[in-house]
Protein backbone atom coordinates (compact mmCIF):
# COMPACT_ATOMS: atom_id res chain seq x y z
CA MET A 1 60.71 111.55 -65.74
CA VAL A 2 59.07 110.57 -62.14
CA PHE A 3 58.32 107.09 -63.70
CA ARG A 4 60.94 106.58 -65.63
CA LEU A 5 63.18 107.85 -61.99
CA ILE A 6 60.72 105.12 -60.06
CA LYS A 7 60.78 102.36 -62.04
CA GLU A 8 64.22 102.04 -64.24
CA TYR A 9 66.20 103.44 -61.71
CA GLY A 10 64.94 102.05 -58.93
CA LEU A 11 64.58 105.75 -56.66
CA SER A 12 61.81 105.64 -53.89
CA TYR A 13 59.52 107.77 -53.66
CA ALA A 14 60.72 109.64 -50.93
CA GLN A 15 64.21 109.88 -53.18
CA VAL A 16 62.18 111.22 -56.07
CA LYS A 17 61.05 113.97 -53.98
CA GLU A 18 64.38 114.84 -53.05
CA VAL A 19 65.86 114.89 -56.47
CA MET A 20 62.67 116.92 -58.16
CA ASP A 21 61.69 118.86 -54.95
CA ILE A 22 58.31 118.14 -56.31
CA SER A 23 55.64 116.39 -53.25
CA GLN A 24 54.27 113.47 -52.50
CA ASN A 25 51.27 113.76 -53.87
CA THR A 26 52.40 114.89 -56.83
CA ILE A 27 54.89 112.02 -57.64
CA GLU A 28 51.60 110.11 -57.18
CA THR A 29 49.97 111.65 -59.42
CA HIS A 30 51.99 111.13 -61.56
CA MET A 31 52.83 107.96 -61.29
CA LYS A 32 48.87 107.03 -61.59
CA LEU A 33 48.88 109.32 -65.24
CA ALA A 34 51.54 107.54 -66.21
CA LEU A 35 50.29 103.64 -65.27
CA LYS A 36 46.97 104.52 -67.09
CA LYS A 37 49.04 105.59 -69.83
CA LEU A 38 50.77 102.59 -70.36
CA LYS A 39 47.34 100.65 -70.21
CA MET A 40 46.34 102.49 -73.10
CA ILE A 41 48.53 101.97 -74.62
CA VAL A 42 48.81 98.02 -74.19
CA ASP A 43 44.88 97.87 -74.71
CA SER A 44 44.93 99.33 -78.06
CA TYR A 45 48.08 96.83 -79.21
CA TYR A 46 46.46 93.98 -77.71
CA ASN A 47 42.97 95.04 -78.92
CA SER A 48 44.72 95.16 -83.03
CA SER A 49 46.41 92.04 -82.83
CA LYS A 50 43.30 90.23 -82.75
């Protein structure tokens, strides 16, 4: 949800913090995890298409 609010809806971290009532650190953690998962998916796709 954090990733979608930031990347798809263009909200800032501060806006997400207010909307979801979570800390800045929690937002950063969720973003890191989401980006790590996306990277794994892209890498897997790239490696399987060789």
